[in-house]
Amino acid sequence: MDYFRKTYIEYLEQGINIIESKVDEVPDRELKNVKLPDKVYGFRFFDIIVAQVEVDGGLIELRSKRINESPVYYHKARVLTHKEVTEGIPNNEKLLLYMNVNGWDKVIQTRTGQFLEFREEDVILD
């Protein structure tokens, strides 16, 4: 059975009440080659293993689930602590409640304005 690895980029953008994404195949994970569409606030890379097998005289393609998923790279975002949200974000009651309920010490404010959980592996790009 022959198999090969394909690399993808998943672009993240805020939809109406949900995070939407678009996935494209890419030749590599070079950050300098990433071109972000206007509404995209971040992206991540992942790989999929693809194999072709013969079944009943014909070839079919088998695909793995995502592997080697990268951290999320945020473009022009900022990380805010609980204290910074309290002192610097107006009308912050819902955000602070959400942070407290979910146990978040920090959030990311994306370039498009929404607030998301900050994870230590996340990367902020200029």
Protein backbone atom coordinates (compact mmCIF):
# COMPACT_ATOMS: atom_id res chain seq x y z
CA MET A 1 0.00 0.00 0.00
CA ASP A 2 1.43 3.37 -1.02
CA TYR A 3 0.75 6.39 1.12
CA PHE A 4 1.76 10.03 1.27
CA ARG A 5 1.37 13.02 3.55
CA LYS A 6 -0.59 16.13 2.57
CA THR A 7 -0.27 19.39 4.48
CA TYR A 8 -3.20 21.75 4.95
CA ILE A 9 -3.87 25.18 6.39
CA GLU A 10 -7.13 25.93 8.17
CA TYR A 11 -8.09 29.62 8.08
CA LEU A 12 -10.23 30.75 11.04
CA GLU A 13 -12.77 33.54 10.90
CA GLN A 14 -15.69 34.65 13.03
CA GLY A 15 -19.08 33.82 11.60
CA ILE A 16 -22.43 34.64 13.15
CA ASN A 17 -22.10 33.16 16.65
CA ILE A 18 -19.69 30.47 15.43
CA ILE A 19 -16.12 30.12 14.25
CA GLU A 20 -16.00 29.29 10.57
CA SER A 21 -13.04 27.81 8.77
CA LYS A 22 -11.75 27.20 5.29
CA VAL A 23 -9.15 24.53 4.51
CA ASP A 24 -6.61 24.60 1.66
CA GLU A 25 -3.80 22.23 0.76
CA VAL A 26 -0.36 23.89 1.01
CA PRO A 27 3.13 22.77 -0.05
CA ASP A 28 4.74 23.55 3.33
CA ARG A 29 4.32 25.18 6.74
CA GLU A 30 6.43 28.25 6.03
CA LEU A 31 4.83 31.22 7.80
CA LYS A 32 6.27 33.63 5.23
CA ASN A 33 4.15 31.92 2.54
CA VAL A 34 0.85 32.38 4.39
CA LYS A 35 -1.47 35.00 2.88
CA LEU A 36 -4.46 35.71 5.11
CA PRO A 37 -7.82 36.65 3.62
CA ASP A 38 -9.28 39.87 5.07
CA LYS A 39 -11.72 38.42 7.61
CA VAL A 40 -9.37 35.71 8.86
CA TYR A 41 -7.98 36.24 12.36
CA GLY A 42 -5.84 33.11 12.61
CA PHE A 43 -4.81 29.79 11.15
CA ARG A 44 -3.32 26.39 11.93
CA PHE A 45 -1.58 23.68 9.96
CA PHE A 46 -2.26 19.97 9.98
CA ASP A 47 -1.38 16.88 7.98
CA ILE A 48 -3.46 14.03 6.59
CA ILE A 49 -2.05 10.70 5.46
CA VAL A 50 -3.57 9.51 2.18
CA ALA A 51 -3.32 5.93 0.91
CA GLN A 52 -4.66 4.21 -2.17
CA VAL A 53 -5.76 0.61 -1.90
CA GLU A 54 -7.22 -1.79 -4.40
CA VAL A 55 -10.70 -3.06 -3.60
CA ASP A 56 -12.64 -5.27 -5.99
CA GLY A 57 -10.37 -4.35 -8.89
CA GLY A 58 -10.58 -0.59 -8.34
CA LEU A 59 -8.54 1.93 -6.40
CA ILE A 60 -10.05 3.78 -3.48
CA GLU A 61 -8.48 6.53 -1.41
CA LEU A 62 -8.23 6.26 2.37
CA ARG A 63 -7.60 9.38 4.46
CA SER A 64 -6.47 9.63 8.06
CA LYS A 65 -7.87 12.04 10.59
CA ARG A 66 -5.84 15.19 11.22
CA ILE A 67 -2.34 14.61 12.55
CA ASN A 68 0.53 16.93 13.50
CA GLU A 69 -1.85 19.81 14.18
CA SER A 70 0.04 23.04 14.86
CA PRO A 71 -0.84 25.65 17.45
CA VAL A 72 -3.18 28.40 16.31
CA TYR A 73 -1.33 31.38 14.86
CA TYR A 74 -3.18 34.65 15.53
CA HIS A 75 -2.51 37.66 13.31
CA LYS A 76 -2.43 41.10 14.99
CA ALA A 77 -4.06 39.86 18.19
CA ARG A 78 -3.38 40.68 21.81
CA VAL A 79 -3.43 38.61 24.96
CA LEU A 80 -5.29 40.07 27.93
CA THR A 81 -5.23 38.94 31.55
CA HIS A 82 -8.27 39.00 33.82
CA LYS A 83 -6.94 42.24 35.31
CA GLU A 84 -6.42 43.85 31.88
CA VAL A 85 -9.97 42.94 30.85
CA THR A 86 -11.31 44.39 34.11
CA GLU A 87 -9.38 47.65 33.72
CA GLY A 88 -9.26 48.14 29.95
CA ILE A 89 -12.33 46.67 28.27
CA PRO A 90 -15.59 48.63 28.58
CA ASN A 91 -18.83 46.71 29.19
CA ASN A 92 -16.78 43.69 30.21
CA GLU A 93 -19.25 41.95 32.53
CA LYS A 94 -20.19 39.12 30.15
CA LEU A 95 -16.58 38.52 29.14
CA LEU A 96 -15.43 38.40 32.78
CA LEU A 97 -18.27 36.03 33.65
CA TYR A 98 -17.34 33.79 30.73
CA MET A 99 -13.68 33.83 31.80
CA ASN A 100 -14.62 32.95 35.39
CA VAL A 101 -17.07 30.18 34.46
CA ASN A 102 -14.54 28.56 32.10
CA GLY A 103 -11.51 29.08 34.36
CA TRP A 104 -9.62 31.21 31.84
CA ASP A 105 -6.80 33.39 33.19
CA LYS A 106 -6.21 35.02 29.80
CA VAL A 107 -8.10 35.67 26.57
CA ILE A 108 -7.03 36.65 23.08
CA GLN A 109 -8.64 39.66 21.44
CA THR A 110 -8.43 38.95 17.73
CA ARG A 111 -7.85 41.54 15.04
CA THR A 112 -11.54 41.26 14.17
CA GLY A 113 -12.58 42.09 17.75
CA GLN A 114 -13.79 38.84 19.28
CA PHE A 115 -12.41 37.29 22.46
CA LEU A 116 -11.28 33.66 22.56
CA GLU A 117 -9.62 31.38 25.07
CA PHE A 118 -5.84 31.82 25.20
CA ARG A 119 -3.91 28.56 25.30
CA GLU A 120 -0.22 28.51 26.14
CA GLU A 121 0.66 26.93 22.78
CA ASP A 122 -1.06 29.73 20.82
CA VAL A 123 1.25 32.04 18.84
CA ILE A 124 0.72 35.76 18.27
CA LEU A 125 2.10 37.15 14.99
CA ASP A 126 2.56 40.84 14.17
